[in-house]
Amino acid sequence: MAEPACDATNREHFVRSWKSRNLRVLILLLASWAWLVLPAHGLNNDVPHINLPLVPARVQPGGSAFTLTVNGDGFVSGSTVYWNGSARSTTFVSSMQLTATINASDIAGAGTASVTIMNPSPGG
């Protein structure tokens, strides 16, 4: 039986086929690596947690604006303190502490405030 001729067309087809198969394998390997490695680098922000007490724990109604210190964990740069559902100017101190400016109008009357923290997306 005669072997097929090994001409330039057959070599070119073989090389293109080989490159195509190896490129597909390389892409699959890179995709598998990214799936395994990237989540380990914390692409999502944690959900923040507040530890009590807030500082200060109490203020006088009708008082002046003050700085609220919130201790906890899972804070990131971009975390925001919300006072009764409204965002307040927030400073990131560390992953365990934030400070926020609470306006005098926020404490004009007596009552209990709701303080929450939101981390930026994704995750938080």
PDB file of N, CA and C in Angstrom:
ATOM      1  N   MET A   1       0.835  -1.168   0.000  1.00  0.00           N
ATOM      2  CA  MET A   1       0.000   0.000   0.000  1.00  0.00           C
ATOM      3  C   MET A   1       0.884   1.236   0.000  1.00  0.00           C
ATOM      4  N   ALA A   2       0.525   2.184  -0.782  1.00  0.00           N
ATOM      5  CA  ALA A   2       1.324   3.397  -0.898  1.00  0.00           C
ATOM      6  C   ALA A   2       0.937   4.386   0.185  1.00  0.00           C
ATOM      7  N   GLU A   3       1.929   5.034   0.769  1.00  0.00           N
ATOM      8  CA  GLU A   3       1.666   6.048   1.785  1.00  0.00           C
ATOM      9  C   GLU A   3       1.294   7.349   1.100  1.00  0.00           C
ATOM     10  N   PRO A   4       0.421   8.147   1.745  1.00  0.00           N
ATOM     11  CA  PRO A   4       0.046   9.402   1.130  1.00  0.00           C
ATOM     12  C   PRO A   4       1.267  10.309   1.004  1.00  0.00           C
ATOM     13  N   ALA A   5       1.237  11.097   0.002  1.00  0.00           N
ATOM     14  CA  ALA A   5       2.354  12.009  -0.243  1.00  0.00           C
ATOM     15  C   ALA A   5       2.413  13.048   0.861  1.00  0.00           C
ATOM     16  N   CYS A   6       3.605  13.377   1.297  1.00  0.00           N
ATOM     17  CA  CYS A   6       3.787  14.369   2.349  1.00  0.00           C
ATOM     18  C   CYS A   6       4.170  15.672   1.672  1.00  0.00           C
ATOM     19  N   ASP A   7       3.179  16.356   1.223  1.00  0.00           N
ATOM     20  CA  ASP A   7       3.451  17.612   0.535  1.00  0.00           C
ATOM     21  C   ASP A   7       3.159  18.790   1.462  1.00  0.00           C
ATOM     22  N   ALA A   8       3.369  19.982   0.982  1.00  0.00           N
ATOM     23  CA  ALA A   8       3.213  21.198   1.778  1.00  0.00           C
ATOM     24  C   ALA A   8       1.780  21.366   2.271  1.00  0.00           C
ATOM     25  N   THR A   9       0.785  20.973   1.483  1.00  0.00           N
ATOM     26  CA  THR A   9      -0.615  21.115   1.885  1.00  0.00           C
ATOM     27  C   THR A   9      -0.923  20.228   3.072  1.00  0.00           C
ATOM     28  N   ASN A  10      -0.442  18.985   3.063  1.00  0.00           N
ATOM     29  CA  ASN A  10      -0.683  18.079   4.181  1.00  0.00           C
ATOM     30  C   ASN A  10       0.021  18.552   5.446  1.00  0.00           C
ATOM     31  N   ARG A  11       1.276  19.037   5.305  1.00  0.00           N
ATOM     32  CA  ARG A  11       2.006  19.548   6.464  1.00  0.00           C
ATOM     33  C   ARG A  11       1.281  20.755   7.057  1.00  0.00           C
ATOM     34  N   GLU A  12       0.827  21.672   6.222  1.00  0.00           N
ATOM     35  CA  GLU A  12       0.126  22.869   6.690  1.00  0.00           C
ATOM     36  C   GLU A  12      -1.159  22.492   7.417  1.00  0.00           C
ATOM     37  N   HIS A  13      -1.910  21.534   6.878  1.00  0.00           N
ATOM     38  CA  HIS A  13      -3.140  21.076   7.526  1.00  0.00           C
ATOM     39  C   HIS A  13      -2.827  20.451   8.885  1.00  0.00           C
ATOM     40  N   PHE A  14      -1.758  19.635   8.944  1.00  0.00           N
ATOM     41  CA  PHE A  14      -1.375  18.998  10.200  1.00  0.00           C
ATOM     42  C   PHE A  14      -1.000  20.050  11.246  1.00  0.00           C
ATOM     43  N   VAL A  15      -0.201  21.044  10.854  1.00  0.00           N
ATOM     44  CA  VAL A  15       0.247  22.079  11.794  1.00  0.00           C
ATOM     45  C   VAL A  15      -0.941  22.891  12.296  1.00  0.00           C
ATOM     46  N   ARG A  16      -1.854  23.286  11.391  1.00  0.00           N
ATOM     47  CA  ARG A  16      -3.034  24.041  11.823  1.00  0.00           C
ATOM     48  C   ARG A  16      -3.898  23.222  12.770  1.00  0.00           C
ATOM     49  N   SER A  17      -4.095  21.958  12.459  1.00  0.00           N
ATOM     50  CA  SER A  17      -4.905  21.087  13.307  1.00  0.00           C
ATOM     51  C   SER A  17      -4.248  20.925  14.679  1.00  0.00           C
ATOM     52  N   TRP A  18      -2.942  20.724  14.709  1.00  0.00           N
ATOM     53  CA  TRP A  18      -2.215  20.563  15.962  1.00  0.00           C
ATOM     54  C   TRP A  18      -2.312  21.836  16.806  1.00  0.00           C
ATOM     55  N   LYS A  19      -2.107  23.009  16.199  1.00  0.00           N
ATOM     56  CA  LYS A  19      -2.193  24.279  16.922  1.00  0.00           C
ATOM     57  C   LYS A  19      -3.603  24.492  17.467  1.00  0.00           C
ATOM     58  N   SER A  20      -4.602  24.199  16.682  1.00  0.00           N
ATOM     59  CA  SER A  20      -5.988  24.390  17.106  1.00  0.00           C
ATOM     60  C   SER A  20      -6.314  23.516  18.317  1.00  0.00           C
ATOM     61  N   ARG A  21      -5.924  22.239  18.270  1.00  0.00           N
ATOM     62  CA  ARG A  21      -6.193  21.342  19.387  1.00  0.00           C
ATOM     63  C   ARG A  21      -5.452  21.796  20.643  1.00  0.00           C
ATOM     64  N   ASN A  22      -4.194  22.177  20.507  1.00  0.00           N
ATOM     65  CA  ASN A  22      -3.415  22.601  21.667  1.00  0.00           C
ATOM     66  C   ASN A  22      -3.916  23.924  22.221  1.00  0.00           C
ATOM     67  N   LEU A  23      -4.393  24.816  21.374  1.00  0.00           N
ATOM     68  CA  LEU A  23      -4.949  26.074  21.851  1.00  0.00           C
ATOM     69  C   LEU A  23      -6.209  25.813  22.673  1.00  0.00           C
ATOM     70  N   ARG A  24      -7.055  24.896  22.204  1.00  0.00           N
ATOM     71  CA  ARG A  24      -8.253  24.564  22.968  1.00  0.00           C
ATOM     72  C   ARG A  24      -7.899  23.967  24.327  1.00  0.00           C
ATOM     73  N   VAL A  25      -6.905  23.115  24.372  1.00  0.00           N
ATOM     74  CA  VAL A  25      -6.473  22.514  25.634  1.00  0.00           C
ATOM     75  C   VAL A  25      -5.919  23.595  26.554  1.00  0.00           C
ATOM     76  N   LEU A  26      -5.113  24.512  26.008  1.00  0.00           N
ATOM     77  CA  LEU A  26      -4.549  25.590  26.807  1.00  0.00           C
ATOM     78  C   LEU A  26      -5.656  26.474  27.385  1.00  0.00           C
ATOM     79  N   ILE A  27      -6.645  26.807  26.588  1.00  0.00           N
ATOM     80  CA  ILE A  27      -7.761  27.632  27.062  1.00  0.00           C
ATOM     81  C   ILE A  27      -8.514  26.914  28.181  1.00  0.00           C
ATOM     82  N   LEU A  28      -8.761  25.635  28.027  1.00  0.00           N
ATOM     83  CA  LEU A  28      -9.444  24.876  29.080  1.00  0.00           C
ATOM     84  C   LEU A  28      -8.614  24.830  30.360  1.00  0.00           C
ATOM     85  N   LEU A  29      -7.307  24.658  30.226  1.00  0.00           N
ATOM     86  CA  LEU A  29      -6.453  24.628  31.413  1.00  0.00           C
ATOM     87  C   LEU A  29      -6.461  25.980  32.120  1.00  0.00           C
ATOM     88  N   LEU A  30      -6.375  27.069  31.359  1.00  0.00           N
ATOM     89  CA  LEU A  30      -6.393  28.393  31.967  1.00  0.00           C
ATOM     90  C   LEU A  30      -7.733  28.677  32.639  1.00  0.00           C
ATOM     91  N   ALA A  31      -8.822  28.279  32.001  1.00  0.00           N
ATOM     92  CA  ALA A  31     -10.139  28.489  32.598  1.00  0.00           C
ATOM     93  C   ALA A  31     -10.280  27.687  33.887  1.00  0.00           C
ATOM     94  N   SER A  32      -9.779  26.473  33.900  1.00  0.00           N
ATOM     95  CA  SER A  32      -9.830  25.649  35.112  1.00  0.00           C
ATOM     96  C   SER A  32      -8.987  26.264  36.213  1.00  0.00           C
ATOM     97  N   TRP A  33      -7.810  26.755  35.871  1.00  0.00           N
ATOM     98  CA  TRP A  33      -6.933  27.392  36.855  1.00  0.00           C
ATOM     99  C   TRP A  33      -7.611  28.628  37.438  1.00  0.00           C
ATOM    100  N   ALA A  34      -8.196  29.461  36.583  1.00  0.00           N
ATOM    101  CA  ALA A  34      -8.849  30.687  37.058  1.00  0.00           C
ATOM    102  C   ALA A  34     -10.007  30.341  37.988  1.00  0.00           C
ATOM    103  N   TRP A  35     -10.777  29.327  37.669  1.00  0.00           N
ATOM    104  CA  TRP A  35     -11.908  28.937  38.501  1.00  0.00           C
ATOM    105  C   TRP A  35     -11.437  28.490  39.878  1.00  0.00           C
ATOM    106  N   LEU A  36     -10.294  27.814  39.933  1.00  0.00           N
ATOM    107  CA  LEU A  36      -9.791  27.319  41.209  1.00  0.00           C
ATOM    108  C   LEU A  36      -9.070  28.391  42.010  1.00  0.00           C
ATOM    109  N   VAL A  37      -8.338  29.275  41.340  1.00  0.00           N
ATOM    110  CA  VAL A  37      -7.466  30.207  42.037  1.00  0.00           C
ATOM    111  C   VAL A  37      -8.148  31.530  42.366  1.00  0.00           C
ATOM    112  N   LEU A  38      -8.901  32.098  41.468  1.00  0.00           N
ATOM    113  CA  LEU A  38      -9.441  33.440  41.681  1.00  0.00           C
ATOM    114  C   LEU A  38     -10.357  33.555  42.894  1.00  0.00           C
ATOM    115  N   PRO A  39     -11.257  32.616  43.176  1.00  0.00           N
ATOM    116  CA  PRO A  39     -12.077  32.775  44.376  1.00  0.00           C
ATOM    117  C   PRO A  39     -11.263  32.810  45.666  1.00  0.00           C
ATOM    118  N   ALA A  40     -10.092  32.201  45.657  1.00  0.00           N
ATOM    119  CA  ALA A  40      -9.260  32.190  46.856  1.00  0.00           C
ATOM    120  C   ALA A  40      -8.688  33.565  47.168  1.00  0.00           C
ATOM    121  N   HIS A  41      -8.726  34.476  46.216  1.00  0.00           N
ATOM    122  CA  HIS A  41      -8.182  35.809  46.426  1.00  0.00           C
ATOM    123  C   HIS A  41      -9.238  36.790  46.900  1.00  0.00           C
ATOM    124  N   GLY A  42     -10.410  36.331  47.296  1.00  0.00           N
ATOM    125  CA  GLY A  42     -11.411  37.198  47.897  1.00  0.00           C
ATOM    126  C   GLY A  42     -11.983  38.238  46.954  1.00  0.00           C
ATOM    127  N   LEU A  43     -12.577  37.813  45.873  1.00  0.00           N
ATOM    128  CA  LEU A  43     -13.169  38.749  44.938  1.00  0.00           C
ATOM    129  C   LEU A  43     -14.441  39.380  45.490  1.00  0.00           C
ATOM    130  N   ASN A  44     -15.062  38.749  46.438  1.00  0.00           N
ATOM    131  CA  ASN A  44     -16.274  39.299  47.044  1.00  0.00           C
ATOM    132  C   ASN A  44     -15.953  39.933  48.383  1.00  0.00           C
ATOM    133  N   ASN A  45     -16.648  41.035  48.673  1.00  0.00           N
ATOM    134  CA  ASN A  45     -16.510  41.662  49.982  1.00  0.00           C
ATOM    135  C   ASN A  45     -17.329  40.875  51.000  1.00  0.00           C
ATOM    136  N   ASP A  46     -16.816  40.826  52.221  1.00  0.00           N
ATOM    137  CA  ASP A  46     -17.537  40.158  53.299  1.00  0.00           C
ATOM    138  C   ASP A  46     -18.787  40.943  53.671  1.00  0.00           C
ATOM    139  N   VAL A  47     -19.714  40.254  54.324  1.00  0.00           N
ATOM    140  CA  VAL A  47     -20.864  40.939  54.913  1.00  0.00           C
ATOM    141  C   VAL A  47     -20.381  41.486  56.251  1.00  0.00           C
ATOM    142  N   PRO A  48     -20.525  42.793  56.493  1.00  0.00           N
ATOM    143  CA  PRO A  48     -19.995  43.369  57.728  1.00  0.00           C
ATOM    144  C   PRO A  48     -20.836  43.012  58.951  1.00  0.00           C
ATOM    145  N   HIS A  49     -20.175  42.986  60.105  1.00  0.00           N
ATOM    146  CA  HIS A  49     -20.834  42.709  61.382  1.00  0.00           C
ATOM    147  C   HIS A  49     -20.488  43.819  62.358  1.00  0.00           C
ATOM    148  N   ILE A  50     -21.465  44.257  63.145  1.00  0.00           N
ATOM    149  CA  ILE A  50     -21.266  45.313  64.140  1.00  0.00           C
ATOM    150  C   ILE A  50     -21.156  44.684  65.521  1.00  0.00           C
ATOM    151  N   ASN A  51     -20.142  45.117  66.266  1.00  0.00           N
ATOM    152  CA  ASN A  51     -20.008  44.728  67.671  1.00  0.00           C
ATOM    153  C   ASN A  51     -20.506  45.886  68.528  1.00  0.00           C
ATOM    154  N   LEU A  52     -21.314  45.571  69.526  1.00  0.00           N
ATOM    155  CA  LEU A  52     -21.806  46.605  70.433  1.00  0.00           C
ATOM    156  C   LEU A  52     -20.852  46.747  71.607  1.00  0.00           C
ATOM    157  N   PRO A  53     -20.766  47.882  72.225  1.00  0.00           N
ATOM    158  CA  PRO A  53     -21.588  49.069  72.007  1.00  0.00           C
ATOM    159  C   PRO A  53     -21.004  49.953  70.903  1.00  0.00           C
ATOM    160  N   LEU A  54     -21.886  50.786  70.333  1.00  0.00           N
ATOM    161  CA  LEU A  54     -21.435  51.857  69.455  1.00  0.00           C
ATOM    162  C   LEU A  54     -20.833  52.937  70.355  1.00  0.00           C
ATOM    163  N   VAL A  55     -19.944  53.754  69.820  1.00  0.00           N
ATOM    164  CA  VAL A  55     -19.308  54.788  70.641  1.00  0.00           C
ATOM    165  C   VAL A  55     -19.557  56.153  70.004  1.00  0.00           C
ATOM    166  N   PRO A  56     -20.274  57.034  70.673  1.00  0.00           N
ATOM    167  CA  PRO A  56     -20.894  56.888  71.983  1.00  0.00           C
ATOM    168  C   PRO A  56     -22.156  56.032  71.886  1.00  0.00           C
ATOM    169  N   ALA A  57     -22.488  55.408  73.001  1.00  0.00           N
ATOM    170  CA  ALA A  57     -23.682  54.560  73.048  1.00  0.00           C
ATOM    171  C   ALA A  57     -24.950  55.394  73.155  1.00  0.00           C
ATOM    172  N   ARG A  58     -24.824  56.606  73.725  1.00  0.00           N
ATOM    173  CA  ARG A  58     -25.982  57.497  73.894  1.00  0.00           C
ATOM    174  C   ARG A  58     -25.548  58.933  73.661  1.00  0.00           C
ATOM    175  N   VAL A  59     -26.487  59.735  73.149  1.00  0.00           N
ATOM    176  CA  VAL A  59     -26.262  61.181  73.020  1.00  0.00           C
ATOM    177  C   VAL A  59     -27.531  61.899  73.442  1.00  0.00           C
ATOM    178  N   GLN A  60     -27.403  63.137  73.816  1.00  0.00           N
ATOM    179  CA  GLN A  60     -28.562  63.939  74.235  1.00  0.00           C
ATOM    180  C   GLN A  60     -29.361  64.394  73.013  1.00  0.00           C
ATOM    181  N   PRO A  61     -30.682  64.230  73.034  1.00  0.00           N
ATOM    182  CA  PRO A  61     -31.506  64.776  71.951  1.00  0.00           C
ATOM    183  C   PRO A  61     -31.300  66.291  71.867  1.00  0.00           C
ATOM    184  N   GLY A  62     -31.255  66.795  70.650  1.00  0.00           N
ATOM    185  CA  GLY A  62     -31.065  68.231  70.452  1.00  0.00           C
ATOM    186  C   GLY A  62     -29.605  68.644  70.524  1.00  0.00           C
ATOM    187  N   GLY A  63     -28.710  67.695  70.648  1.00  0.00           N
ATOM    188  CA  GLY A  63     -27.281  68.010  70.729  1.00  0.00           C
ATOM    189  C   GLY A  63     -26.697  68.351  69.366  1.00  0.00           C
ATOM    190  N   SER A  64     -25.390  68.565  69.360  1.00  0.00           N
ATOM    191  CA  SER A  64     -24.707  68.916  68.116  1.00  0.00           C
ATOM    192  C   SER A  64     -24.246  67.646  67.385  1.00  0.00           C
ATOM    193  N   ALA A  65     -23.798  67.846  66.148  1.00  0.00           N
ATOM    194  CA  ALA A  65     -23.285  66.728  65.345  1.00  0.00           C
ATOM    195  C   ALA A  65     -22.142  66.046  66.097  1.00  0.00           C
ATOM    196  N   PHE A  66     -21.944  64.767  65.836  1.00  0.00           N
ATOM    197  CA  PHE A  66     -20.877  64.038  66.521  1.00  0.00           C
ATOM    198  C   PHE A  66     -20.331  62.951  65.611  1.00  0.00           C
ATOM    199  N   THR A  67     -19.198  62.407  66.003  1.00  0.00           N
ATOM    200  CA  THR A  67     -18.578  61.297  65.266  1.00  0.00           C
ATOM    201  C   THR A  67     -18.938  59.994  65.964  1.00  0.00           C
ATOM    202  N   LEU A  68     -19.548  59.095  65.210  1.00  0.00           N
ATOM    203  CA  LEU A  68     -19.918  57.773  65.718  1.00  0.00           C
ATOM    204  C   LEU A  68     -18.818  56.791  65.335  1.00  0.00           C
ATOM    205  N   THR A  69     -18.358  56.010  66.302  1.00  0.00           N
ATOM    206  CA  THR A  69     -17.369  54.960  66.033  1.00  0.00           C
ATOM    207  C   THR A  69     -18.086  53.620  66.060  1.00  0.00           C
ATOM    208  N   VAL A  70     -17.919  52.868  64.980  1.00  0.00           N
ATOM    209  CA  VAL A  70     -18.541  51.548  64.858  1.00  0.00           C
ATOM    210  C   VAL A  70     -17.424  50.516  64.818  1.00  0.00           C
ATOM    211  N   ASN A  71     -17.431  49.605  65.769  1.00  0.00           N
ATOM    212  CA  ASN A  71     -16.467  48.506  65.802  1.00  0.00           C
ATOM    213  C   ASN A  71     -17.157  47.234  65.328  1.00  0.00           C
ATOM    214  N   GLY A  72     -16.395  46.355  64.725  1.00  0.00           N
ATOM    215  CA  GLY A  72     -16.947  45.094  64.226  1.00  0.00           C
ATOM    216  C   GLY A  72     -15.918  44.380  63.384  1.00  0.00           C
ATOM    217  N   ASP A  73     -16.368  43.745  62.311  1.00  0.00           N
ATOM    218  CA  ASP A  73     -15.440  43.093  61.388  1.00  0.00           C
ATOM    219  C   ASP A  73     -16.056  43.020  60.005  1.00  0.00           C
ATOM    220  N   GLY A  74     -15.186  42.781  59.034  1.00  0.00           N
ATOM    221  CA  GLY A  74     -15.633  42.687  57.646  1.00  0.00           C
ATOM    222  C   GLY A  74     -15.770  44.029  56.958  1.00  0.00           C
ATOM    223  N   PHE A  75     -15.254  45.100  57.550  1.00  0.00           N
ATOM    224  CA  PHE A  75     -15.335  46.411  56.917  1.00  0.00           C
ATOM    225  C   PHE A  75     -14.257  46.515  55.838  1.00  0.00           C
ATOM    226  N   VAL A  76     -14.577  47.222  54.765  1.00  0.00           N
ATOM    227  CA  VAL A  76     -13.634  47.447  53.668  1.00  0.00           C
ATOM    228  C   VAL A  76     -13.655  48.924  53.296  1.00  0.00           C
ATOM    229  N   SER A  77     -12.634  49.341  52.585  1.00  0.00           N
ATOM    230  CA  SER A  77     -12.633  50.705  52.078  1.00  0.00           C
ATOM    231  C   SER A  77     -13.865  50.848  51.199  1.00  0.00           C
ATOM    232  N   GLY A  78     -14.681  51.826  51.460  1.00  0.00           N
ATOM    233  CA  GLY A  78     -15.942  51.973  50.730  1.00  0.00           C
ATOM    234  C   GLY A  78     -17.153  51.535  51.535  1.00  0.00           C
ATOM    235  N   SER A  79     -16.927  50.934  52.723  1.00  0.00           N
ATOM    236  CA  SER A  79     -18.060  50.606  53.604  1.00  0.00           C
ATOM    237  C   SER A  79     -18.766  51.903  53.991  1.00  0.00           C
ATOM    238  N   THR A  80     -20.079  51.830  54.149  1.00  0.00           N
ATOM    239  CA  THR A  80     -20.866  53.021  54.479  1.00  0.00           C
ATOM    240  C   THR A  80     -21.724  52.752  55.700  1.00  0.00           C
ATOM    241  N   VAL A  81     -21.721  53.735  56.619  1.00  0.00           N
ATOM    242  CA  VAL A  81     -22.589  53.681  57.790  1.00  0.00           C
ATOM    243  C   VAL A  81     -23.923  54.312  57.407  1.00  0.00           C
ATOM    244  N   TYR A  82     -25.009  53.626  57.762  1.00  0.00           N
ATOM    245  CA  TYR A  82     -26.363  54.147  57.537  1.00  0.00           C
ATOM    246  C   TYR A  82     -27.002  54.425  58.895  1.00  0.00           C
ATOM    247  N   TRP A  83     -27.563  55.610  59.033  1.00  0.00           N
ATOM    248  CA  TRP A  83     -28.257  56.040  60.249  1.00  0.00           C
ATOM    249  C   TRP A  83     -29.730  56.128  59.894  1.00  0.00           C
ATOM    250  N   ASN A  84     -30.559  55.263  60.482  1.00  0.00           N
ATOM    251  CA  ASN A  84     -31.995  55.201  60.158  1.00  0.00           C
ATOM    252  C   ASN A  84     -32.232  55.111  58.653  1.00  0.00           C
ATOM    253  N   GLY A  85     -31.388  54.312  57.980  1.00  0.00           N
ATOM    254  CA  GLY A  85     -31.555  54.065  56.548  1.00  0.00           C
ATOM    255  C   GLY A  85     -30.928  55.091  55.630  1.00  0.00           C
ATOM    256  N   SER A  86     -30.306  56.128  56.175  1.00  0.00           N
ATOM    257  CA  SER A  86     -29.674  57.164  55.346  1.00  0.00           C
ATOM    258  C   SER A  86     -28.156  57.088  55.483  1.00  0.00           C
ATOM    259  N   ALA A  87     -27.477  57.115  54.337  1.00  0.00           N
ATOM    260  CA  ALA A  87     -26.016  57.041  54.336  1.00  0.00           C
ATOM    261  C   ALA A  87     -25.425  58.269  55.007  1.00  0.00           C
ATOM    262  N   ARG A  88     -24.382  58.037  55.775  1.00  0.00           N
ATOM    263  CA  ARG A  88     -23.669  59.119  56.449  1.00  0.00           C
ATOM    264  C   ARG A  88     -22.214  59.104  55.999  1.00  0.00           C
ATOM    265  N   SER A  89     -21.588  60.276  56.017  1.00  0.00           N
ATOM    266  CA  SER A  89     -20.180  60.395  55.644  1.00  0.00           C
ATOM    267  C   SER A  89     -19.364  59.440  56.513  1.00  0.00           C
ATOM    268  N   THR A  90     -18.677  58.505  55.869  1.00  0.00           N
ATOM    269  CA  THR A  90     -18.012  57.408  56.582  1.00  0.00           C
ATOM    270  C   THR A  90     -16.519  57.399  56.293  1.00  0.00           C
ATOM    271  N   THR A  91     -15.726  57.155  57.333  1.00  0.00           N
ATOM    272  CA  THR A  91     -14.284  57.006  57.186  1.00  0.00           C
ATOM    273  C   THR A  91     -13.896  55.582  57.546  1.00  0.00           C
ATOM    274  N   PHE A  92     -13.179  54.936  56.632  1.00  0.00           N
ATOM    275  CA  PHE A  92     -12.655  53.590  56.880  1.00  0.00           C
ATOM    276  C   PHE A  92     -11.396  53.737  57.726  1.00  0.00           C
ATOM    277  N   VAL A  93     -11.418  53.174  58.926  1.00  0.00           N
ATOM    278  CA  VAL A  93     -10.252  53.203  59.813  1.00  0.00           C
ATOM    279  C   VAL A  93      -9.469  51.910  59.651  1.00  0.00           C
ATOM    280  N   SER A  94     -10.194  50.779  59.695  1.00  0.00           N
ATOM    281  CA  SER A  94      -9.573  49.463  59.533  1.00  0.00           C
ATOM    282  C   SER A  94     -10.675  48.467  59.201  1.00  0.00           C
ATOM    283  N   SER A  95     -10.293  47.220  58.987  1.00  0.00           N
ATOM    284  CA  SER A  95     -11.286  46.179  58.709  1.00  0.00           C
ATOM    285  C   SER A  95     -12.170  45.919  59.919  1.00  0.00           C
ATOM    286  N   MET A  96     -11.801  46.543  61.074  1.00  0.00           N
ATOM    287  CA  MET A  96     -12.563  46.342  62.305  1.00  0.00           C
ATOM    288  C   MET A  96     -13.166  47.636  62.853  1.00  0.00           C
ATOM    289  N   GLN A  97     -12.968  48.772  62.135  1.00  0.00           N
ATOM    290  CA  GLN A  97     -13.510  50.024  62.669  1.00  0.00           C
ATOM    291  C   GLN A  97     -13.816  51.031  61.555  1.00  0.00           C
ATOM    292  N   LEU A  98     -14.972  51.686  61.717  1.00  0.00           N
ATOM    293  CA  LEU A  98     -15.407  52.790  60.863  1.00  0.00           C
ATOM    294  C   LEU A  98     -15.799  53.949  61.758  1.00  0.00           C
ATOM    295  N   THR A  99     -15.722  55.168  61.229  1.00  0.00           N
ATOM    296  CA  THR A  99     -16.303  56.316  61.913  1.00  0.00           C
ATOM    297  C   THR A  99     -17.247  56.997  60.935  1.00  0.00           C
ATOM    298  N   ALA A 100     -18.280  57.625  61.486  1.00  0.00           N
ATOM    299  CA  ALA A 100     -19.267  58.310  60.651  1.00  0.00           C
ATOM    300  C   ALA A 100     -19.675  59.610  61.316  1.00  0.00           C
ATOM    301  N   THR A 101     -19.949  60.611  60.495  1.00  0.00           N
ATOM    302  CA  THR A 101     -20.436  61.890  60.996  1.00  0.00           C
ATOM    303  C   THR A 101     -21.952  61.828  61.084  1.00  0.00           C
ATOM    304  N   ILE A 102     -22.476  62.011  62.287  1.00  0.00           N
ATOM    305  CA  ILE A 102     -23.919  62.010  62.511  1.00  0.00           C
ATOM    306  C   ILE A 102     -24.348  63.473  62.669  1.00  0.00           C
ATOM    307  N   ASN A 103     -25.291  63.892  61.873  1.00  0.00           N
ATOM    308  CA  ASN A 103     -25.744  65.290  61.849  1.00  0.00           C
ATOM    309  C   ASN A 103     -26.574  65.634  63.082  1.00  0.00           C
ATOM    310  N   ALA A 104     -26.561  66.909  63.426  1.00  0.00           N
ATOM    311  CA  ALA A 104     -27.386  67.383  64.548  1.00  0.00           C
ATOM    312  C   ALA A 104     -28.863  67.111  64.269  1.00  0.00           C
ATOM    313  N   SER A 105     -29.271  67.214  63.013  1.00  0.00           N
ATOM    314  CA  SER A 105     -30.676  66.956  62.676  1.00  0.00           C
ATOM    315  C   SER A 105     -31.065  65.498  62.917  1.00  0.00           C
ATOM    316  N   ASP A 106     -30.077  64.602  62.922  1.00  0.00           N
ATOM    317  CA  ASP A 106     -30.346  63.180  63.180  1.00  0.00           C
ATOM    318  C   ASP A 106     -30.743  62.927  64.627  1.00  0.00           C
ATOM    319  N   ILE A 107     -30.343  63.833  65.515  1.00  0.00           N
ATOM    320  CA  ILE A 107     -30.641  63.634  66.946  1.00  0.00           C
ATOM    321  C   ILE A 107     -31.464  64.799  67.501  1.00  0.00           C
ATOM    322  N   ALA A 108     -32.201  65.456  66.629  1.00  0.00           N
ATOM    323  CA  ALA A 108     -33.007  66.614  67.055  1.00  0.00           C
ATOM    324  C   ALA A 108     -34.072  66.210  68.067  1.00  0.00           C
ATOM    325  N   GLY A 109     -34.622  65.008  67.913  1.00  0.00           N
ATOM    326  CA  GLY A 109     -35.660  64.539  68.844  1.00  0.00           C
ATOM    327  C   GLY A 109     -35.223  63.249  69.515  1.00  0.00           C
ATOM    328  N   ALA A 110     -35.917  62.897  70.578  1.00  0.00           N
ATOM    329  CA  ALA A 110     -35.617  61.660  71.304  1.00  0.00           C
ATOM    330  C   ALA A 110     -36.034  60.458  70.463  1.00  0.00           C
ATOM    331  N   GLY A 111     -35.327  59.362  70.622  1.00  0.00           N
ATOM    332  CA  GLY A 111     -35.683  58.141  69.907  1.00  0.00           C
ATOM    333  C   GLY A 111     -34.513  57.169  69.859  1.00  0.00           C
ATOM    334  N   THR A 112     -34.745  56.055  69.222  1.00  0.00           N
ATOM    335  CA  THR A 112     -33.724  55.028  69.038  1.00  0.00           C
ATOM    336  C   THR A 112     -33.356  54.987  67.570  1.00  0.00           C
ATOM    337  N   ALA A 113     -32.075  55.008  67.278  1.00  0.00           N
ATOM    338  CA  ALA A 113     -31.613  54.986  65.888  1.00  0.00           C
ATOM    339  C   ALA A 113     -31.253  53.568  65.467  1.00  0.00           C
ATOM    340  N   SER A 114     -31.420  53.313  64.186  1.00  0.00           N
ATOM    341  CA  SER A 114     -30.972  52.061  63.585  1.00  0.00           C
ATOM    342  C   SER A 114     -29.663  52.353  62.856  1.00  0.00           C
ATOM    343  N   VAL A 115     -28.613  51.623  63.203  1.00  0.00           N
ATOM    344  CA  VAL A 115     -27.315  51.795  62.564  1.00  0.00           C
ATOM    345  C   VAL A 115     -26.981  50.507  61.822  1.00  0.00           C
ATOM    346  N   THR A 116     -26.705  50.646  60.530  1.00  0.00           N
ATOM    347  CA  THR A 116     -26.324  49.491  59.706  1.00  0.00           C
ATOM    348  C   THR A 116     -25.093  49.854  58.882  1.00  0.00           C
ATOM    349  N   ILE A 117     -24.422  48.832  58.405  1.00  0.00           N
ATOM    350  CA  ILE A 117     -23.233  49.010  57.556  1.00  0.00           C
ATOM    351  C   ILE A 117     -23.477  48.274  56.252  1.00  0.00           C
ATOM    352  N   MET A 118     -23.100  48.909  55.159  1.00  0.00           N
ATOM    353  CA  MET A 118     -23.167  48.258  53.850  1.00  0.00           C
ATOM    354  C   MET A 118     -21.781  48.293  53.230  1.00  0.00           C
ATOM    355  N   ASN A 119     -21.333  47.142  52.735  1.00  0.00           N
ATOM    356  CA  ASN A 119     -20.079  47.077  51.980  1.00  0.00           C
ATOM    357  C   ASN A 119     -20.405  47.191  50.507  1.00  0.00           C
ATOM    358  N   PRO A 120     -19.472  47.707  49.716  1.00  0.00           N
ATOM    359  CA  PRO A 120     -19.713  47.800  48.281  1.00  0.00           C
ATOM    360  C   PRO A 120     -19.810  46.423  47.633  1.00  0.00           C
ATOM    361  N   SER A 121     -20.429  46.372  46.476  1.00  0.00           N
ATOM    362  CA  SER A 121     -20.521  45.136  45.709  1.00  0.00           C
ATOM    363  C   SER A 121     -19.147  44.803  45.136  1.00  0.00           C
ATOM    364  N   PRO A 122     -18.875  43.580  44.811  1.00  0.00           N
ATOM    365  CA  PRO A 122     -19.750  42.431  44.967  1.00  0.00           C
ATOM    366  C   PRO A 122     -19.654  41.827  46.361  1.00  0.00           C
ATOM    367  N   GLY A 123     -20.709  41.241  46.761  1.00  0.00           N
ATOM    368  CA  GLY A 123     -20.710  40.466  47.988  1.00  0.00           C
ATOM    369  C   GLY A 123     -21.317  41.164  49.176  1.00  0.00           C
ATOM    370  N   GLY A 124     -20.787  42.326  49.546  1.00  0.00           N
ATOM    371  CA  GLY A 124     -21.184  42.996  50.765  1.00  0.00           C
ATOM    372  C   GLY A 124     -22.570  43.505  50.733  1.00  0.00           C
TER     373      GLY A 124
END
